[in-house]
Amino acid sequence: MGRYAVVLPIDPLEVGGSFPVSSWPLHVTVVEPFETDHGTAWVSDLIGPVLHGRRSIRATAFDRAMFGRRRDVPVTLVRDDGPLGAMRTRLLDALRDADVDVARARPDYRPHVTDTAHGSVPPGRSIRFAQVALVDLRPPEGRAMRSVAAVWSLDG
């Protein structure tokens, strides 16, 4: 069974690239982890048309917060004028329509960038998201790794 997430990386990622779980690149998660019996190609074929023709998303980092069950995960909240939420809705609808369980999708979704080993995003920073990435959360490299399964450019 495959497990994936859809993210907007701040810096471009490359298909086949990988990174340790402990060292995610800075990103905004658009679709939380989901599982499917289908492989990467199937998921990519499902998501690709939803993203076709989409333009880059401009957003602003606006506030710091603490996330996680114990409120111990530092993040920076991100605000845009609607395209990010619209993309999320379209992706979740496409996954649901294909009978993919997206039960982990939070109804109280708040776009944010989690602080990582790569740093953090300071409030006030303008961000341009120019790429969407499908991340394999169960890659052949093992449980401690993540790999970039597919990317789509947001250039319209």
Protein backbone atom coordinates (compact mmCIF):
# COMPACT_ATOMS: atom_id res chain seq x y z
CA MET A 1 0.00 0.00 0.00
CA GLY A 2 1.35 3.43 -0.95
CA ARG A 3 1.37 6.41 1.36
CA TYR A 4 1.76 9.93 -0.03
CA ALA A 5 1.45 13.63 0.74
CA VAL A 6 1.10 16.61 -1.60
CA VAL A 7 3.23 19.65 -0.78
CA LEU A 8 4.19 23.08 -2.08
CA PRO A 9 7.97 23.26 -1.61
CA ILE A 10 9.54 26.66 -1.08
CA ASP A 11 12.58 25.60 -3.13
CA PRO A 12 12.11 23.31 -6.15
CA LEU A 13 12.40 19.56 -5.69
CA GLU A 14 13.44 16.96 -8.26
CA VAL A 15 11.73 13.66 -9.03
CA GLY A 16 13.78 10.89 -7.48
CA GLY A 17 15.27 13.17 -4.86
CA SER A 18 15.09 11.96 -1.30
CA PHE A 19 15.60 13.29 2.19
CA PRO A 20 15.51 11.94 5.76
CA VAL A 21 12.25 12.18 7.69
CA SER A 22 14.11 14.42 10.12
CA SER A 23 15.11 16.87 7.38
CA TRP A 24 12.10 17.77 5.27
CA PRO A 25 12.67 20.75 2.95
CA LEU A 26 10.61 23.82 3.85
CA HIS A 27 7.11 23.43 2.41
CA VAL A 28 3.38 23.85 2.91
CA THR A 29 1.43 20.59 3.00
CA VAL A 30 -1.58 20.84 0.69
CA VAL A 31 -2.89 17.29 1.24
CA GLU A 32 -2.03 15.47 4.43
CA PRO A 33 -0.74 11.86 4.26
CA PHE A 34 -3.11 9.46 2.53
CA GLU A 35 -2.92 5.77 1.66
CA THR A 36 -3.94 3.95 -1.47
CA ASP A 37 -3.59 0.46 -2.94
CA HIS A 38 -2.57 2.17 -6.18
CA GLY A 39 0.99 2.99 -7.16
CA THR A 40 2.76 6.27 -7.77
CA ALA A 41 1.92 6.41 -11.49
CA TRP A 42 -1.81 6.08 -10.74
CA VAL A 43 -1.70 8.80 -8.08
CA SER A 44 0.30 11.08 -10.40
CA ASP A 45 -2.18 10.51 -13.22
CA LEU A 46 -5.02 11.41 -10.87
CA ILE A 47 -3.40 14.57 -9.48
CA GLY A 48 -1.78 15.90 -12.66
CA PRO A 49 -4.97 17.04 -14.42
CA VAL A 50 -6.12 18.89 -11.28
CA LEU A 51 -2.91 20.94 -11.42
CA HIS A 52 -2.81 21.46 -15.17
CA GLY A 53 -2.76 25.15 -16.08
CA ARG A 54 -2.47 26.34 -12.48
CA ARG A 55 -0.34 29.40 -11.83
CA SER A 56 2.19 29.95 -9.08
CA ILE A 57 0.75 30.88 -5.72
CA ARG A 58 1.87 33.98 -3.88
CA ALA A 59 1.51 33.88 -0.13
CA THR A 60 2.71 35.77 2.91
CA ALA A 61 4.06 34.34 6.14
CA PHE A 62 2.13 36.19 8.81
CA ASP A 63 2.44 34.70 12.28
CA ARG A 64 4.23 32.10 14.40
CA ALA A 65 2.35 29.26 16.13
CA MET A 66 2.88 25.94 17.86
CA PHE A 67 1.28 22.85 16.31
CA GLY A 68 1.19 19.18 17.23
CA ARG A 69 -0.59 17.22 19.92
CA ARG A 70 1.59 18.76 22.62
CA ARG A 71 1.85 22.16 20.93
CA ASP A 72 5.60 21.66 20.62
CA VAL A 73 6.08 21.98 16.85
CA PRO A 74 7.05 25.53 15.78
CA VAL A 75 5.48 26.74 12.52
CA THR A 76 4.89 29.91 10.56
CA LEU A 77 1.33 30.45 9.34
CA VAL A 78 0.86 31.33 5.67
CA ARG A 79 -1.92 33.37 4.04
CA ASP A 80 -2.82 33.74 0.38
CA ASP A 81 -5.80 35.18 -1.46
CA GLY A 82 -7.51 31.82 -2.04
CA PRO A 83 -5.62 29.76 -4.65
CA LEU A 84 -3.99 27.52 -2.04
CA GLY A 85 -7.32 26.58 -0.45
CA ALA A 86 -8.90 26.10 -3.87
CA MET A 87 -6.06 23.79 -4.92
CA ARG A 88 -6.45 21.80 -1.72
CA THR A 89 -10.21 21.43 -2.25
CA ARG A 90 -9.76 20.27 -5.87
CA LEU A 91 -7.08 17.75 -4.92
CA LEU A 92 -9.10 16.34 -2.03
CA ASP A 93 -12.20 16.11 -4.25
CA ALA A 94 -10.26 14.24 -6.93
CA LEU A 95 -8.85 11.80 -4.38
CA ARG A 96 -12.27 11.24 -2.75
CA ASP A 97 -13.90 10.75 -6.17
CA ALA A 98 -11.32 8.01 -6.83
CA ASP A 99 -12.18 6.35 -3.50
CA VAL A 100 -8.91 7.30 -1.84
CA ASP A 101 -9.30 7.65 1.91
CA VAL A 102 -8.34 11.20 2.86
CA ALA A 103 -9.68 10.95 6.40
CA ARG A 104 -6.56 12.66 7.77
CA ALA A 105 -7.47 15.86 5.89
CA ARG A 106 -8.15 18.39 8.61
CA PRO A 107 -11.37 20.40 8.42
CA ASP A 108 -9.57 23.17 10.34
CA TYR A 109 -6.65 23.25 7.88
CA ARG A 110 -4.31 26.19 8.41
CA PRO A 111 -1.52 26.48 5.82
CA HIS A 112 1.86 26.68 7.50
CA VAL A 113 5.56 26.01 7.09
CA THR A 114 7.02 23.83 9.85
CA ASP A 115 10.46 24.77 11.12
CA THR A 116 12.98 22.16 9.97
CA ALA A 117 16.72 21.53 9.90
CA HIS A 118 16.62 23.80 6.81
CA GLY A 119 15.43 26.73 8.89
CA SER A 120 12.15 28.56 9.20
CA VAL A 121 10.15 31.24 7.42
CA PRO A 122 9.96 34.57 9.24
CA PRO A 123 6.64 36.40 9.50
CA GLY A 124 6.33 39.06 6.82
CA ARG A 125 8.18 37.06 4.17
CA SER A 126 6.56 36.87 0.76
CA ILE A 127 6.62 33.37 -0.72
CA ARG A 128 6.06 32.26 -4.30
CA PHE A 129 5.12 28.60 -4.65
CA ALA A 130 6.02 27.56 -8.19
CA GLN A 131 5.85 23.77 -7.82
CA VAL A 132 3.69 21.01 -6.39
CA ALA A 133 5.33 17.77 -5.29
CA LEU A 134 3.96 14.32 -4.58
CA VAL A 135 6.07 12.84 -1.78
CA ASP A 136 6.29 9.08 -1.25
CA LEU A 137 6.12 8.46 2.49
CA ARG A 138 7.01 4.76 2.09
CA PRO A 139 9.85 4.80 -0.43
CA PRO A 140 12.11 1.84 -1.21
CA GLU A 141 14.90 3.58 0.74
CA GLY A 142 13.10 2.70 3.99
CA ARG A 143 11.03 4.18 6.80
CA ALA A 144 13.55 6.87 7.71
CA MET A 145 13.45 8.42 4.24
CA ARG A 146 11.02 10.28 1.99
CA SER A 147 11.28 10.54 -1.78
CA VAL A 148 9.89 12.90 -4.40
CA ALA A 149 7.61 10.80 -6.59
CA ALA A 150 6.35 13.51 -8.98
CA VAL A 151 6.45 17.28 -9.46
CA TRP A 152 4.31 19.74 -11.37
CA SER A 153 5.31 23.26 -12.30
CA LEU A 154 2.84 26.02 -11.51
CA ASP A 155 3.56 28.25 -14.46
CA GLY A 156 0.11 28.40 -15.98
